[in-house]
PDB file of all heavy atoms in Angstrom:
ATOM      1  N   ASP A   1       0.798  -1.214   0.020  1.00  0.00           N
ATOM      2  CA  ASP A   1      -0.003   0.011   0.006  1.00  0.00           C
ATOM      3  C   ASP A   1       0.832   1.269  -0.010  1.00  0.00           C
ATOM      4  O   ASP A   1       0.282   2.383  -0.117  1.00  0.00           O
ATOM      5  CB  ASP A   1      -0.933   0.001   1.218  1.00  0.00           C
ATOM      6  CG  ASP A   1      -2.047  -1.013   1.092  1.00  0.00           C
ATOM      7  OD1 ASP A   1      -2.304  -1.459  -0.049  1.00  0.00           O
ATOM      8  OD2 ASP A   1      -2.643  -1.362   2.124  1.00  0.00           O
ATOM      9  N   LEU A   2       2.176   1.121   0.142  1.00  0.00           N
ATOM     10  CA  LEU A   2       3.036   2.270   0.093  1.00  0.00           C
ATOM     11  C   LEU A   2       3.365   2.712  -1.334  1.00  0.00           C
ATOM     12  O   LEU A   2       4.024   3.748  -1.536  1.00  0.00           O
ATOM     13  CB  LEU A   2       4.344   1.959   0.809  1.00  0.00           C
ATOM     14  CG  LEU A   2       4.246   1.858   2.348  1.00  0.00           C
ATOM     15  CD1 LEU A   2       5.559   1.379   2.914  1.00  0.00           C
ATOM     16  CD2 LEU A   2       3.897   3.233   2.944  1.00  0.00           C
ATOM     17  N   LEU A   3       2.878   1.985  -2.351  1.00  0.00           N
ATOM     18  CA  LEU A   3       3.070   2.366  -3.733  1.00  0.00           C
ATOM     19  C   LEU A   3       2.038   3.460  -4.073  1.00  0.00           C
ATOM     20  O   LEU A   3       0.863   3.220  -4.036  1.00  0.00           O
ATOM     21  CB  LEU A   3       2.911   1.197  -4.687  1.00  0.00           C
ATOM     22  CG  LEU A   3       3.972   0.143  -4.598  1.00  0.00           C
ATOM     23  CD1 LEU A   3       3.647  -1.034  -5.516  1.00  0.00           C
ATOM     24  CD2 LEU A   3       5.354   0.717  -4.950  1.00  0.00           C
ATOM     25  N   SER A   4       2.542   4.634  -4.329  1.00  0.00           N
ATOM     26  CA  SER A   4       1.691   5.822  -4.541  1.00  0.00           C
ATOM     27  C   SER A   4       1.674   6.196  -5.997  1.00  0.00           C
ATOM     28  O   SER A   4       2.766   6.370  -6.603  1.00  0.00           O
ATOM     29  CB  SER A   4       2.143   6.997  -3.687  1.00  0.00           C
ATOM     30  OG  SER A   4       1.340   8.127  -3.916  1.00  0.00           O
ATOM     31  N   GLY A   5       0.493   6.317  -6.587  1.00  0.00           N
ATOM     32  CA  GLY A   5       0.384   6.734  -7.974  1.00  0.00           C
ATOM     33  C   GLY A   5      -0.758   7.727  -8.162  1.00  0.00           C
ATOM     34  O   GLY A   5      -0.972   8.604  -7.322  1.00  0.00           O
ATOM     35  N   ALA A   6      -1.469   7.536  -9.251  1.00  0.00           N
ATOM     36  CA  ALA A   6      -2.613   8.455  -9.504  1.00  0.00           C
ATOM     37  C   ALA A   6      -3.863   8.040  -8.795  1.00  0.00           C
ATOM     38  O   ALA A   6      -4.834   8.819  -8.709  1.00  0.00           O
ATOM     39  CB  ALA A   6      -2.854   8.484 -11.003  1.00  0.00           C
ATOM     40  N   ASP A   7      -3.887   6.798  -8.216  1.00  0.00           N
ATOM     41  CA  ASP A   7      -5.101   6.353  -7.571  1.00  0.00           C
ATOM     42  C   ASP A   7      -5.211   6.930  -6.167  1.00  0.00           C
ATOM     43  O   ASP A   7      -4.305   7.589  -5.662  1.00  0.00           O
ATOM     44  CB  ASP A   7      -5.075   4.810  -7.489  1.00  0.00           C
ATOM     45  CG  ASP A   7      -3.764   4.262  -6.959  1.00  0.00           C
ATOM     46  OD1 ASP A   7      -2.825   5.064  -6.889  1.00  0.00           O
ATOM     47  OD2 ASP A   7      -3.701   3.074  -6.637  1.00  0.00           O
ATOM     48  N   GLU A   8      -6.362   6.686  -5.543  1.00  0.00           N
ATOM     49  CA  GLU A   8      -6.611   7.187  -4.210  1.00  0.00           C
ATOM     50  C   GLU A   8      -5.689   6.537  -3.186  1.00  0.00           C
ATOM     51  O   GLU A   8      -5.431   5.300  -3.309  1.00  0.00           O
ATOM     52  CB  GLU A   8      -8.045   6.952  -3.813  1.00  0.00           C
ATOM     53  CG  GLU A   8      -9.045   7.861  -4.518  1.00  0.00           C
ATOM     54  CD  GLU A   8      -8.877   9.339  -4.121  1.00  0.00           C
ATOM     55  OE1 GLU A   8      -8.648   9.591  -2.894  1.00  0.00           O
ATOM     56  OE2 GLU A   8      -8.947  10.185  -4.964  1.00  0.00           O
ATOM     57  N   PRO A   9      -5.170   7.284  -2.234  1.00  0.00           N
ATOM     58  CA  PRO A   9      -4.263   6.680  -1.207  1.00  0.00           C
ATOM     59  C   PRO A   9      -5.025   5.689  -0.369  1.00  0.00           C
ATOM     60  O   PRO A   9      -6.194   5.868  -0.040  1.00  0.00           O
ATOM     61  CB  PRO A   9      -3.822   7.889  -0.440  1.00  0.00           C
ATOM     62  CG  PRO A   9      -4.869   8.923  -0.596  1.00  0.00           C
ATOM     63  CD  PRO A   9      -5.396   8.700  -2.006  1.00  0.00           C
ATOM     64  N   ARG A  10      -4.333   4.633   0.029  1.00  0.00           N
ATOM     65  CA  ARG A  10      -4.894   3.629   0.935  1.00  0.00           C
ATOM     66  C   ARG A  10      -4.273   3.857   2.283  1.00  0.00           C
ATOM     67  O   ARG A  10      -3.107   3.555   2.546  1.00  0.00           O
ATOM     68  CB  ARG A  10      -4.580   2.240   0.418  1.00  0.00           C
ATOM     69  CG  ARG A  10      -5.412   1.851  -0.805  1.00  0.00           C
ATOM     70  CD  ARG A  10      -4.896   0.612  -1.494  1.00  0.00           C
ATOM     71  NE  ARG A  10      -3.650   0.886  -2.198  1.00  0.00           N
ATOM     72  CZ  ARG A  10      -3.044  -0.034  -2.964  1.00  0.00           C
ATOM     73  NH1 ARG A  10      -3.544  -1.226  -3.091  1.00  0.00           N
ATOM     74  NH2 ARG A  10      -1.925   0.291  -3.622  1.00  0.00           N
ATOM     75  N   LEU A  11      -5.073   4.365   3.215  1.00  0.00           N
ATOM     76  CA  LEU A  11      -4.593   4.694   4.542  1.00  0.00           C
ATOM     77  C   LEU A  11      -4.691   3.479   5.486  1.00  0.00           C
ATOM     78  O   LEU A  11      -5.382   2.488   5.173  1.00  0.00           O
ATOM     79  CB  LEU A  11      -5.392   5.851   5.095  1.00  0.00           C
ATOM     80  CG  LEU A  11      -5.396   7.139   4.296  1.00  0.00           C
ATOM     81  CD1 LEU A  11      -6.263   8.199   4.941  1.00  0.00           C
ATOM     82  CD2 LEU A  11      -3.985   7.657   4.108  1.00  0.00           C
ATOM     83  N   ALA A  12      -3.987   3.560   6.591  1.00  0.00           N
ATOM     84  CA  ALA A  12      -3.949   2.434   7.515  1.00  0.00           C
ATOM     85  C   ALA A  12      -5.310   2.100   8.061  1.00  0.00           C
ATOM     86  O   ALA A  12      -6.072   2.997   8.396  1.00  0.00           O
ATOM     87  CB  ALA A  12      -2.998   2.746   8.663  1.00  0.00           C
ATOM     88  N   GLN A  13      -5.619   0.828   8.117  1.00  0.00           N
ATOM     89  CA  GLN A  13      -6.865   0.349   8.691  1.00  0.00           C
ATOM     90  C   GLN A  13      -6.668  -0.098  10.122  1.00  0.00           C
ATOM     91  O   GLN A  13      -5.533  -0.386  10.546  1.00  0.00           O
ATOM     92  CB  GLN A  13      -7.429  -0.793   7.837  1.00  0.00           C
ATOM     93  CG  GLN A  13      -7.773  -0.384   6.420  1.00  0.00           C
ATOM     94  CD  GLN A  13      -8.320  -1.568   5.601  1.00  0.00           C
ATOM     95  OE1 GLN A  13      -8.026  -2.716   5.936  1.00  0.00           O
ATOM     96  NE2 GLN A  13      -9.078  -1.264   4.573  1.00  0.00           N
ATOM     97  N   ALA A  14      -7.745  -0.172  10.829  1.00  0.00           N
ATOM     98  CA  ALA A  14      -7.654  -0.557  12.259  1.00  0.00           C
ATOM     99  C   ALA A  14      -7.337  -2.023  12.462  1.00  0.00           C
ATOM    100  O   ALA A  14      -7.537  -2.819  11.551  1.00  0.00           O
ATOM    101  CB  ALA A  14      -8.947  -0.156  12.969  1.00  0.00           C
ATOM    102  N   LEU A  15      -6.845  -2.328  13.624  1.00  0.00           N
ATOM    103  CA  LEU A  15      -6.642  -3.715  14.039  1.00  0.00           C
ATOM    104  C   LEU A  15      -7.953  -4.455  14.064  1.00  0.00           C
ATOM    105  O   LEU A  15      -9.021  -3.869  14.069  1.00  0.00           O
ATOM    106  CB  LEU A  15      -5.969  -3.762  15.430  1.00  0.00           C
ATOM    107  CG  LEU A  15      -4.605  -3.163  15.584  1.00  0.00           C
ATOM    108  CD1 LEU A  15      -4.289  -2.927  17.035  1.00  0.00           C
ATOM    109  CD2 LEU A  15      -3.561  -4.082  14.918  1.00  0.00           C
ATOM    110  N   ASP A  16      -7.844  -5.813  14.085  1.00  0.00           N
ATOM    111  CA  ASP A  16      -9.097  -6.575  14.164  1.00  0.00           C
ATOM    112  C   ASP A  16      -9.725  -6.365  15.557  1.00  0.00           C
ATOM    113  O   ASP A  16      -9.131  -5.780  16.443  1.00  0.00           O
ATOM    114  CB  ASP A  16      -8.826  -8.047  13.898  1.00  0.00           C
ATOM    115  CG  ASP A  16      -7.822  -8.671  14.879  1.00  0.00           C
ATOM    116  OD1 ASP A  16      -7.958  -8.429  16.094  1.00  0.00           O
ATOM    117  OD2 ASP A  16      -6.907  -9.394  14.444  1.00  0.00           O
ATOM    118  N   ALA A  17     -10.914  -6.852  15.689  1.00  0.00           N
ATOM    119  CA  ALA A  17     -11.737  -6.540  16.891  1.00  0.00           C
ATOM    120  C   ALA A  17     -11.010  -7.018  18.146  1.00  0.00           C
ATOM    121  O   ALA A  17     -11.020  -6.306  19.179  1.00  0.00           O
ATOM    122  CB  ALA A  17     -13.103  -7.208  16.756  1.00  0.00           C
ATOM    123  N   ARG A  18     -10.399  -8.196  18.121  1.00  0.00           N
ATOM    124  CA  ARG A  18      -9.736  -8.714  19.323  1.00  0.00           C
ATOM    125  C   ARG A  18      -8.534  -7.859  19.748  1.00  0.00           C
ATOM    126  O   ARG A  18      -8.402  -7.479  20.899  1.00  0.00           O
ATOM    127  CB  ARG A  18      -9.248 -10.132  19.074  1.00  0.00           C
ATOM    128  CG  ARG A  18      -8.437 -10.732  20.212  1.00  0.00           C
ATOM    129  CD  ARG A  18      -8.071 -12.174  19.974  1.00  0.00           C
ATOM    130  NE  ARG A  18      -7.169 -12.673  21.004  1.00  0.00           N
ATOM    131  CZ  ARG A  18      -5.821 -12.624  20.878  1.00  0.00           C
ATOM    132  NH1 ARG A  18      -5.256 -12.104  19.820  1.00  0.00           N
ATOM    133  NH2 ARG A  18      -5.074 -13.129  21.872  1.00  0.00           N
ATOM    134  N   MET A  19      -7.726  -7.483  18.793  1.00  0.00           N
ATOM    135  CA  MET A  19      -6.518  -6.700  19.068  1.00  0.00           C
ATOM    136  C   MET A  19      -6.908  -5.248  19.470  1.00  0.00           C
ATOM    137  O   MET A  19      -6.296  -4.674  20.380  1.00  0.00           O
ATOM    138  CB  MET A  19      -5.590  -6.674  17.867  1.00  0.00           C
ATOM    139  CG  MET A  19      -5.032  -8.024  17.522  1.00  0.00           C
ATOM    140  SD  MET A  19      -3.851  -8.606  18.770  1.00  0.00           S
ATOM    141  CE  MET A  19      -2.379  -7.778  18.209  1.00  0.00           C
ATOM    142  N   LYS A  20      -7.950  -4.740  18.819  1.00  0.00           N
ATOM    143  CA  LYS A  20      -8.415  -3.393  19.160  1.00  0.00           C
ATOM    144  C   LYS A  20      -8.988  -3.349  20.603  1.00  0.00           C
ATOM    145  O   LYS A  20      -8.828  -2.358  21.292  1.00  0.00           O
ATOM    146  CB  LYS A  20      -9.422  -2.885  18.151  1.00  0.00           C
ATOM    147  CG  LYS A  20      -9.735  -1.390  18.294  1.00  0.00           C
ATOM    148  CD  LYS A  20     -10.404  -0.872  17.065  1.00  0.00           C
ATOM    149  CE  LYS A  20     -11.737  -1.514  16.764  1.00  0.00           C
ATOM    150  NZ  LYS A  20     -12.450  -0.832  15.660  1.00  0.00           N
ATOM    151  N   LYS A  21      -9.601  -4.420  20.962  1.00  0.00           N
ATOM    152  CA  LYS A  21     -10.124  -4.499  22.346  1.00  0.00           C
ATOM    153  C   LYS A  21      -9.042  -4.494  23.357  1.00  0.00           C
ATOM    154  O   LYS A  21      -9.124  -3.921  24.460  1.00  0.00           O
ATOM    155  CB  LYS A  21     -11.016  -5.745  22.502  1.00  0.00           C
ATOM    156  CG  LYS A  21     -11.679  -5.866  23.863  1.00  0.00           C
ATOM    157  CD  LYS A  21     -12.583  -7.084  23.921  1.00  0.00           C
ATOM    158  CE  LYS A  21     -13.254  -7.183  25.295  1.00  0.00           C
ATOM    159  NZ  LYS A  21     -14.145  -8.378  25.369  1.00  0.00           N
ATOM    160  N   LEU A  22      -7.887  -5.152  23.013  1.00  0.00           N
ATOM    161  CA  LEU A  22      -6.751  -5.193  23.913  1.00  0.00           C
ATOM    162  C   LEU A  22      -5.964  -3.896  23.988  1.00  0.00           C
ATOM    163  O   LEU A  22      -5.580  -3.453  25.074  1.00  0.00           O
ATOM    164  CB  LEU A  22      -5.794  -6.347  23.460  1.00  0.00           C
ATOM    165  CG  LEU A  22      -6.270  -7.781  23.665  1.00  0.00           C
ATOM    166  CD1 LEU A  22      -5.301  -8.744  22.985  1.00  0.00           C
ATOM    167  CD2 LEU A  22      -6.399  -8.106  25.180  1.00  0.00           C
ATOM    168  N   PHE A  23      -5.767  -3.281  22.805  1.00  0.00           N
ATOM    169  CA  PHE A  23      -4.833  -2.123  22.756  1.00  0.00           C
ATOM    170  C   PHE A  23      -5.524  -0.817  22.423  1.00  0.00           C
ATOM    171  O   PHE A  23      -4.863   0.254  22.423  1.00  0.00           O
ATOM    172  CB  PHE A  23      -3.763  -2.405  21.737  1.00  0.00           C
ATOM    173  CG  PHE A  23      -2.985  -3.663  21.911  1.00  0.00           C
ATOM    174  CD1 PHE A  23      -2.741  -4.507  20.859  1.00  0.00           C
ATOM    175  CD2 PHE A  23      -2.515  -3.982  23.174  1.00  0.00           C
ATOM    176  CE1 PHE A  23      -2.007  -5.679  21.058  1.00  0.00           C
ATOM    177  CE2 PHE A  23      -1.769  -5.143  23.396  1.00  0.00           C
ATOM    178  CZ  PHE A  23      -1.540  -5.994  22.324  1.00  0.00           C
ATOM    179  N   GLY A  24      -6.776  -0.818  22.128  1.00  0.00           N
ATOM    180  CA  GLY A  24      -7.462   0.372  21.645  1.00  0.00           C
ATOM    181  C   GLY A  24      -7.490   1.567  22.582  1.00  0.00           C
ATOM    182  O   GLY A  24      -7.456   2.685  22.158  1.00  0.00           O
ATOM    183  N   ARG A  25      -7.466   1.267  23.905  1.00  0.00           N
ATOM    184  CA  ARG A  25      -7.521   2.353  24.889  1.00  0.00           C
ATOM    185  C   ARG A  25      -6.214   2.571  25.621  1.00  0.00           C
ATOM    186  O   ARG A  25      -6.018   3.573  26.328  1.00  0.00           O
ATOM    187  CB  ARG A  25      -8.627   2.139  25.887  1.00  0.00           C
ATOM    188  CG  ARG A  25     -10.003   2.138  25.229  1.00  0.00           C
ATOM    189  CD  ARG A  25     -11.091   1.840  26.222  1.00  0.00           C
ATOM    190  NE  ARG A  25     -11.161   2.808  27.303  1.00  0.00           N
ATOM    191  CZ  ARG A  25     -11.826   3.952  27.223  1.00  0.00           C
ATOM    192  NH1 ARG A  25     -12.505   4.237  26.133  1.00  0.00           N
ATOM    193  NH2 ARG A  25     -11.832   4.798  28.267  1.00  0.00           N
ATOM    194  N   SER A  26      -5.308   1.595  25.515  1.00  0.00           N
ATOM    195  CA  SER A  26      -4.005   1.683  26.189  1.00  0.00           C
ATOM    196  C   SER A  26      -2.984   0.921  25.400  1.00  0.00           C
ATOM    197  O   SER A  26      -3.058  -0.335  25.263  1.00  0.00           O
ATOM    198  CB  SER A  26      -4.099   1.112  27.594  1.00  0.00           C
ATOM    199  OG  SER A  26      -2.859   1.146  28.236  1.00  0.00           O
ATOM    200  N   LEU A  27      -1.999   1.648  24.866  1.00  0.00           N
ATOM    201  CA  LEU A  27      -0.953   1.001  24.059  1.00  0.00           C
ATOM    202  C   LEU A  27       0.404   1.449  24.593  1.00  0.00           C
ATOM    203  O   LEU A  27       0.719   2.648  24.591  1.00  0.00           O
ATOM    204  CB  LEU A  27      -1.121   1.392  22.578  1.00  0.00           C
ATOM    205  CG  LEU A  27      -0.045   0.835  21.627  1.00  0.00           C
ATOM    206  CD1 LEU A  27      -0.130  -0.692  21.558  1.00  0.00           C
ATOM    207  CD2 LEU A  27      -0.191   1.441  20.252  1.00  0.00           C
ATOM    208  N   LYS A  28       1.238   0.479  24.994  1.00  0.00           N
ATOM    209  CA  LYS A  28       2.554   0.763  25.476  1.00  0.00           C
ATOM    210  C   LYS A  28       3.603   0.249  24.435  1.00  0.00           C
ATOM    211  O   LYS A  28       3.530  -0.922  24.075  1.00  0.00           O
ATOM    212  CB  LYS A  28       2.821   0.095  26.827  1.00  0.00           C
ATOM    213  CG  LYS A  28       1.738   0.317  27.854  1.00  0.00           C
ATOM    214  CD  LYS A  28       1.481   1.725  28.210  1.00  0.00           C
ATOM    215  CE  LYS A  28       0.416   1.857  29.253  1.00  0.00           C
ATOM    216  NZ  LYS A  28       0.044   3.268  29.560  1.00  0.00           N
ATOM    217  N   LEU A  29       4.517   1.106  24.044  1.00  0.00           N
ATOM    218  CA  LEU A  29       5.494   0.754  23.010  1.00  0.00           C
ATOM    219  C   LEU A  29       6.906   0.913  23.524  1.00  0.00           C
ATOM    220  O   LEU A  29       7.228   1.858  24.214  1.00  0.00           O
ATOM    221  CB  LEU A  29       5.291   1.652  21.790  1.00  0.00           C
ATOM    222  CG  LEU A  29       3.953   1.494  21.028  1.00  0.00           C
ATOM    223  CD1 LEU A  29       3.831   2.586  19.984  1.00  0.00           C
ATOM    224  CD2 LEU A  29       3.789   0.131  20.425  1.00  0.00           C
ATOM    225  N   ARG A  30       7.734  -0.069  23.131  1.00  0.00           N
ATOM    226  CA  ARG A  30       9.173   0.055  23.397  1.00  0.00           C
ATOM    227  C   ARG A  30       9.844   0.516  22.073  1.00  0.00           C
ATOM    228  O   ARG A  30       9.684  -0.196  21.070  1.00  0.00           O
ATOM    229  CB  ARG A  30       9.758  -1.252  23.865  1.00  0.00           C
ATOM    230  CG  ARG A  30      11.302  -1.219  24.027  1.00  0.00           C
ATOM    231  CD  ARG A  30      11.698  -0.345  25.192  1.00  0.00           C
ATOM    232  NE  ARG A  30      13.102  -0.467  25.517  1.00  0.00           N
ATOM    233  CZ  ARG A  30      14.045   0.341  25.123  1.00  0.00           C
ATOM    234  NH1 ARG A  30      13.739   1.373  24.317  1.00  0.00           N
ATOM    235  NH2 ARG A  30      15.302   0.167  25.487  1.00  0.00           N
ATOM    236  N   GLN A  31      10.491   1.641  22.084  1.00  0.00           N
ATOM    237  CA  GLN A  31      11.124   2.129  20.886  1.00  0.00           C
ATOM    238  C   GLN A  31      12.535   1.554  20.760  1.00  0.00           C
ATOM    239  O   GLN A  31      13.319   1.524  21.750  1.00  0.00           O
ATOM    240  CB  GLN A  31      11.228   3.656  20.901  1.00  0.00           C
ATOM    241  CG  GLN A  31      11.369   4.320  19.545  1.00  0.00           C
ATOM    242  CD  GLN A  31      12.825   4.371  19.122  1.00  0.00           C
ATOM    243  OE1 GLN A  31      13.712   4.712  19.889  1.00  0.00           O
ATOM    244  NE2 GLN A  31      13.083   3.987  17.854  1.00  0.00           N
ATOM    245  N   VAL A  32      12.855   1.008  19.571  1.00  0.00           N
ATOM    246  CA  VAL A  32      14.147   0.422  19.321  1.00  0.00           C
ATOM    247  C   VAL A  32      14.839   1.204  18.175  1.00  0.00           C
ATOM    248  O   VAL A  32      14.317   1.243  17.066  1.00  0.00           O
ATOM    249  CB  VAL A  32      14.064  -1.057  18.926  1.00  0.00           C
ATOM    250  CG1 VAL A  32      15.444  -1.641  18.671  1.00  0.00           C
ATOM    251  CG2 VAL A  32      13.303  -1.833  19.996  1.00  0.00           C
ATOM    252  N   SER A  33      15.963   1.803  18.477  1.00  0.00           N
ATOM    253  CA  SER A  33      16.740   2.498  17.460  1.00  0.00           C
ATOM    254  C   SER A  33      17.782   1.511  16.894  1.00  0.00           C
ATOM    255  O   SER A  33      18.790   1.244  17.523  1.00  0.00           O
ATOM    256  CB  SER A  33      17.460   3.739  18.036  1.00  0.00           C
ATOM    257  OG  SER A  33      18.248   4.362  17.062  1.00  0.00           O
ATOM    258  N   ALA A  34      17.475   0.963  15.740  1.00  0.00           N
ATOM    259  CA  ALA A  34      18.289  -0.087  15.148  1.00  0.00           C
ATOM    260  C   ALA A  34      19.264   0.509  14.142  1.00  0.00           C
ATOM    261  O   ALA A  34      19.330   0.122  12.993  1.00  0.00           O
ATOM    262  CB  ALA A  34      17.405  -1.139  14.473  1.00  0.00           C
ATOM    263  N   GLY A  35      20.078   1.456  14.631  1.00  0.00           N
ATOM    264  CA  GLY A  35      21.107   2.039  13.781  1.00  0.00           C
ATOM    265  C   GLY A  35      20.687   3.319  13.081  1.00  0.00           C
ATOM    266  O   GLY A  35      21.266   3.639  12.064  1.00  0.00           O
ATOM    267  N   GLY A  36      19.654   3.988  13.569  1.00  0.00           N
ATOM    268  CA  GLY A  36      19.159   5.186  12.939  1.00  0.00           C
ATOM    269  C   GLY A  36      20.057   6.364  13.178  1.00  0.00           C
ATOM    270  O   GLY A  36      20.972   6.378  14.002  1.00  0.00           O
ATOM    271  N   CYS A  37      19.806   7.467  12.425  1.00  0.00           N
ATOM    272  CA  CYS A  37      20.596   8.680  12.523  1.00  0.00           C
ATOM    273  C   CYS A  37      20.135   9.581  13.649  1.00  0.00           C
ATOM    274  O   CYS A  37      20.689  10.677  13.864  1.00  0.00           O
ATOM    275  CB  CYS A  37      20.609   9.429  11.194  1.00  0.00           C
ATOM    276  SG  CYS A  37      19.005  10.202  10.778  1.00  0.00           S
ATOM    277  N   ASN A  38      19.045   9.242  14.314  1.00  0.00           N
ATOM    278  CA  ASN A  38      18.424   9.951  15.423  1.00  0.00           C
ATOM    279  C   ASN A  38      17.376  10.971  14.992  1.00  0.00           C
ATOM    280  O   ASN A  38      16.763  11.605  15.798  1.00  0.00           O
ATOM    281  CB  ASN A  38      19.468  10.619  16.312  1.00  0.00           C
ATOM    282  CG  ASN A  38      18.947  10.816  17.731  1.00  0.00           C
ATOM    283  OD1 ASN A  38      18.294   9.946  18.304  1.00  0.00           O
ATOM    284  ND2 ASN A  38      19.193  12.018  18.313  1.00  0.00           N
ATOM    285  N   ALA A  39      17.134  11.120  13.681  1.00  0.00           N
ATOM    286  CA  ALA A  39      16.119  12.029  13.234  1.00  0.00           C
ATOM    287  C   ALA A  39      14.721  11.464  13.565  1.00  0.00           C
ATOM    288  O   ALA A  39      13.861  12.184  14.090  1.00  0.00           O
ATOM    289  CB  ALA A  39      16.244  12.299  11.738  1.00  0.00           C
ATOM    290  N   CYS A  40      14.515  10.225  13.191  1.00  0.00           N
ATOM    291  CA  CYS A  40      13.187   9.598  13.509  1.00  0.00           C
ATOM    292  C   CYS A  40      12.967   9.529  15.013  1.00  0.00           C
ATOM    293  O   CYS A  40      11.858   9.789  15.490  1.00  0.00           O
ATOM    294  CB  CYS A  40      13.161   8.177  12.909  1.00  0.00           C
ATOM    295  SG  CYS A  40      13.053   8.098  11.105  1.00  0.00           S
ATOM    296  N   GLU A  41      14.028   9.228  15.748  1.00  0.00           N
ATOM    297  CA  GLU A  41      13.888   9.151  17.207  1.00  0.00           C
ATOM    298  C   GLU A  41      13.548  10.481  17.795  1.00  0.00           C
ATOM    299  O   GLU A  41      12.714  10.589  18.711  1.00  0.00           O
ATOM    300  CB  GLU A  41      15.219   8.614  17.794  1.00  0.00           C
ATOM    301  CG  GLU A  41      15.576   7.172  17.431  1.00  0.00           C
ATOM    302  CD  GLU A  41      16.280   7.081  16.074  1.00  0.00           C
ATOM    303  OE1 GLU A  41      16.319   8.062  15.323  1.00  0.00           O
ATOM    304  OE2 GLU A  41      16.779   5.990  15.796  1.00  0.00           O
ATOM    305  N   ALA A  42      14.145  11.568  17.258  1.00  0.00           N
ATOM    306  CA  ALA A  42      13.888  12.885  17.782  1.00  0.00           C
ATOM    307  C   ALA A  42      12.411  13.287  17.546  1.00  0.00           C
ATOM    308  O   ALA A  42      11.765  13.852  18.451  1.00  0.00           O
ATOM    309  CB  ALA A  42      14.810  13.915  17.134  1.00  0.00           C
TER     310      ALA A  42
END
């Protein structure tokens, strides 16, 4: 879906019902910098 052309963009869709029930109201993430230049991290 990252291929962009003349057609309408396809944006991210939601998780399935089970996963959304688990994470929809509270999501904790561990960020991993796997060799980045620190721009994304910033």
